[in-house]
Amino acid sequence: MGKIPKAREGKIGKPYEYTIDYFEFLMNIRALWNVPFRVLESFVRILSKITGKFRPLTYVAIFKRIRKM
């Protein structure tokens, strides 16, 4: 399992579905190829269809989580 954000450690409630590592991966894609957030959303949708392991993220979720980091 990936790293849990410090702000979520010891908190009651549903944990994040996606790890920090996943968003670091998306940040690297964005930084390397100067990809807009909307294109990242499409990439995540395709990736979730291929793997079938997780539900796709929305543009807003990707934007907020990456901007917090």
N, C-alpha and C. Protein backbone atom coordinates (compact mmCIF):
# COMPACT_ATOMS: atom_id res chain seq x y z
N MET A 1 0.84 -1.17 0.00
CA MET A 1 0.00 0.00 0.00
C MET A 1 0.89 1.24 0.00
N GLY A 2 0.43 2.31 -0.57
CA GLY A 2 1.20 3.54 -0.69
C GLY A 2 1.20 4.35 0.59
N LYS A 3 1.83 5.49 0.51
CA LYS A 3 1.94 6.39 1.65
C LYS A 3 0.60 7.05 1.93
N ILE A 4 0.28 7.19 3.22
CA ILE A 4 -0.92 7.91 3.64
C ILE A 4 -0.52 9.34 3.96
N PRO A 5 -1.30 10.32 3.48
CA PRO A 5 -0.97 11.71 3.78
C PRO A 5 -0.95 11.97 5.28
N LYS A 6 0.00 12.78 5.74
CA LYS A 6 0.13 13.10 7.16
C LYS A 6 -1.16 13.66 7.74
N ALA A 7 -1.88 14.46 6.97
CA ALA A 7 -3.12 15.07 7.45
C ALA A 7 -4.19 14.03 7.74
N ARG A 8 -4.10 12.84 7.15
CA ARG A 8 -5.12 11.80 7.33
C ARG A 8 -4.75 10.77 8.38
N GLU A 9 -3.53 10.77 8.89
CA GLU A 9 -3.11 9.78 9.87
C GLU A 9 -3.90 9.94 11.16
N GLY A 10 -4.43 8.83 11.66
CA GLY A 10 -5.14 8.84 12.92
C GLY A 10 -6.54 9.44 12.87
N LYS A 11 -7.03 9.79 11.71
CA LYS A 11 -8.35 10.40 11.59
C LYS A 11 -9.42 9.33 11.45
N ILE A 12 -10.60 9.66 11.91
CA ILE A 12 -11.75 8.78 11.76
C ILE A 12 -12.42 9.10 10.44
N GLY A 13 -12.91 8.08 9.76
CA GLY A 13 -13.59 8.30 8.49
C GLY A 13 -12.97 7.46 7.39
N LYS A 14 -13.56 7.58 6.26
CA LYS A 14 -13.11 6.81 5.10
C LYS A 14 -11.75 7.31 4.63
N PRO A 15 -10.79 6.40 4.47
CA PRO A 15 -9.46 6.84 3.99
C PRO A 15 -9.52 7.17 2.50
N TYR A 16 -8.49 7.84 2.03
CA TYR A 16 -8.39 8.14 0.61
C TYR A 16 -8.35 6.84 -0.18
N GLU A 17 -8.99 6.82 -1.33
CA GLU A 17 -8.99 5.64 -2.18
C GLU A 17 -7.67 5.54 -2.95
N TYR A 18 -7.06 6.68 -3.22
CA TYR A 18 -5.82 6.73 -4.00
C TYR A 18 -4.68 7.21 -3.12
N THR A 19 -3.51 6.66 -3.33
CA THR A 19 -2.35 7.01 -2.53
C THR A 19 -1.64 8.24 -3.08
N ILE A 20 -0.74 8.75 -2.26
CA ILE A 20 0.08 9.89 -2.68
C ILE A 20 0.94 9.50 -3.88
N ASP A 21 1.39 8.25 -3.89
CA ASP A 21 2.22 7.77 -5.00
C ASP A 21 1.51 7.89 -6.35
N TYR A 22 0.22 7.60 -6.36
CA TYR A 22 -0.56 7.70 -7.59
C TYR A 22 -0.59 9.14 -8.10
N PHE A 23 -0.79 10.09 -7.18
CA PHE A 23 -0.84 11.49 -7.58
C PHE A 23 0.54 12.02 -7.94
N GLU A 24 1.58 11.48 -7.31
CA GLU A 24 2.95 11.85 -7.72
C GLU A 24 3.21 11.36 -9.14
N PHE A 25 2.71 10.19 -9.47
CA PHE A 25 2.82 9.66 -10.84
C PHE A 25 2.13 10.60 -11.82
N LEU A 26 0.91 11.05 -11.50
CA LEU A 26 0.19 11.99 -12.36
C LEU A 26 0.91 13.34 -12.45
N MET A 27 1.49 13.79 -11.34
CA MET A 27 2.25 15.05 -11.35
C MET A 27 3.46 14.95 -12.27
N ASN A 28 4.12 13.80 -12.25
CA ASN A 28 5.29 13.60 -13.11
C ASN A 28 4.89 13.62 -14.59
N ILE A 29 3.78 12.98 -14.91
CA ILE A 29 3.30 13.01 -16.29
C ILE A 29 3.02 14.45 -16.70
N ARG A 30 2.36 15.18 -15.82
CA ARG A 30 2.02 16.58 -16.10
C ARG A 30 3.27 17.44 -16.28
N ALA A 31 4.26 17.22 -15.44
CA ALA A 31 5.49 18.01 -15.50
C ALA A 31 6.35 17.66 -16.72
N LEU A 32 6.47 16.38 -17.02
CA LEU A 32 7.34 15.95 -18.13
C LEU A 32 6.83 16.38 -19.49
N TRP A 33 5.53 16.27 -19.70
CA TRP A 33 4.98 16.55 -21.02
C TRP A 33 4.05 17.76 -21.05
N ASN A 34 4.01 18.53 -19.96
CA ASN A 34 3.18 19.74 -19.89
C ASN A 34 1.72 19.44 -20.26
N VAL A 35 1.18 18.40 -19.63
CA VAL A 35 -0.16 17.91 -19.93
C VAL A 35 -1.19 18.69 -19.10
N PRO A 36 -2.25 19.18 -19.72
CA PRO A 36 -3.31 19.86 -18.97
C PRO A 36 -4.09 18.86 -18.09
N PHE A 37 -4.77 19.38 -17.10
CA PHE A 37 -5.52 18.52 -16.18
C PHE A 37 -6.62 17.74 -16.89
N ARG A 38 -7.25 18.33 -17.88
CA ARG A 38 -8.32 17.63 -18.61
C ARG A 38 -7.77 16.42 -19.36
N VAL A 39 -6.56 16.51 -19.87
CA VAL A 39 -5.93 15.38 -20.55
C VAL A 39 -5.56 14.31 -19.51
N LEU A 40 -5.12 14.73 -18.33
CA LEU A 40 -4.84 13.77 -17.26
C LEU A 40 -6.11 13.01 -16.89
N GLU A 41 -7.23 13.70 -16.86
CA GLU A 41 -8.50 13.04 -16.56
C GLU A 41 -8.79 11.94 -17.58
N SER A 42 -8.58 12.23 -18.85
CA SER A 42 -8.79 11.22 -19.91
C SER A 42 -7.83 10.05 -19.74
N PHE A 43 -6.58 10.36 -19.41
CA PHE A 43 -5.57 9.32 -19.19
C PHE A 43 -5.98 8.40 -18.04
N VAL A 44 -6.47 8.99 -16.95
CA VAL A 44 -6.90 8.21 -15.79
C VAL A 44 -8.12 7.34 -16.14
N ARG A 45 -9.03 7.87 -16.93
CA ARG A 45 -10.20 7.08 -17.35
C ARG A 45 -9.78 5.86 -18.18
N ILE A 46 -8.87 6.07 -19.10
CA ILE A 46 -8.37 4.96 -19.93
C ILE A 46 -7.63 3.95 -19.07
N LEU A 47 -6.80 4.44 -18.15
CA LEU A 47 -6.05 3.56 -17.26
C LEU A 47 -6.98 2.73 -16.38
N SER A 48 -8.06 3.33 -15.90
CA SER A 48 -9.00 2.59 -15.04
C SER A 48 -9.77 1.54 -15.86
N LYS A 49 -10.06 1.83 -17.13
CA LYS A 49 -10.72 0.84 -17.98
C LYS A 49 -9.79 -0.35 -18.23
N ILE A 50 -8.52 -0.07 -18.46
CA ILE A 50 -7.56 -1.14 -18.75
C ILE A 50 -7.35 -2.03 -17.53
N THR A 51 -7.13 -1.40 -16.37
CA THR A 51 -6.84 -2.18 -15.17
C THR A 51 -8.08 -2.71 -14.49
N GLY A 52 -9.16 -1.92 -14.46
CA GLY A 52 -10.38 -2.33 -13.78
C GLY A 52 -10.27 -2.37 -12.27
N LYS A 53 -9.19 -1.80 -11.73
CA LYS A 53 -8.92 -1.88 -10.30
C LYS A 53 -9.51 -0.71 -9.51
N PHE A 54 -9.75 0.39 -10.14
CA PHE A 54 -10.24 1.57 -9.42
C PHE A 54 -11.16 2.37 -10.31
N ARG A 55 -11.97 3.20 -9.68
CA ARG A 55 -12.87 4.04 -10.47
C ARG A 55 -12.12 5.28 -10.95
N PRO A 56 -12.52 5.81 -12.08
CA PRO A 56 -11.81 6.98 -12.62
C PRO A 56 -12.03 8.23 -11.77
N LEU A 57 -11.03 9.09 -11.76
CA LEU A 57 -11.10 10.36 -11.04
C LEU A 57 -11.67 11.44 -11.94
N THR A 58 -12.28 12.43 -11.33
CA THR A 58 -12.77 13.58 -12.09
C THR A 58 -11.66 14.62 -12.20
N TYR A 59 -11.88 15.55 -13.09
CA TYR A 59 -10.95 16.67 -13.26
C TYR A 59 -10.74 17.40 -11.93
N VAL A 60 -11.83 17.68 -11.22
CA VAL A 60 -11.77 18.44 -9.97
C VAL A 60 -10.95 17.69 -8.92
N ALA A 61 -11.16 16.38 -8.80
CA ALA A 61 -10.41 15.59 -7.82
C ALA A 61 -8.92 15.60 -8.12
N ILE A 62 -8.56 15.44 -9.39
CA ILE A 62 -7.15 15.46 -9.78
C ILE A 62 -6.55 16.84 -9.49
N PHE A 63 -7.26 17.87 -9.90
CA PHE A 63 -6.77 19.24 -9.73
C PHE A 63 -6.54 19.57 -8.25
N LYS A 64 -7.53 19.28 -7.40
CA LYS A 64 -7.42 19.62 -5.98
C LYS A 64 -6.31 18.86 -5.29
N ARG A 65 -6.22 17.55 -5.53
CA ARG A 65 -5.20 16.75 -4.85
C ARG A 65 -3.79 17.14 -5.30
N ILE A 66 -3.60 17.41 -6.60
CA ILE A 66 -2.27 17.78 -7.06
C ILE A 66 -1.90 19.18 -6.56
N ARG A 67 -2.84 20.10 -6.54
CA ARG A 67 -2.56 21.45 -6.05
C ARG A 67 -2.24 21.47 -4.57
N LYS A 68 -2.78 20.52 -3.78
CA LYS A 68 -2.48 20.45 -2.35
C LYS A 68 -1.06 19.97 -2.10
N MET A 69 -0.51 19.22 -3.05
CA MET A 69 0.82 18.64 -2.86
C MET A 69 1.89 19.63 -3.13
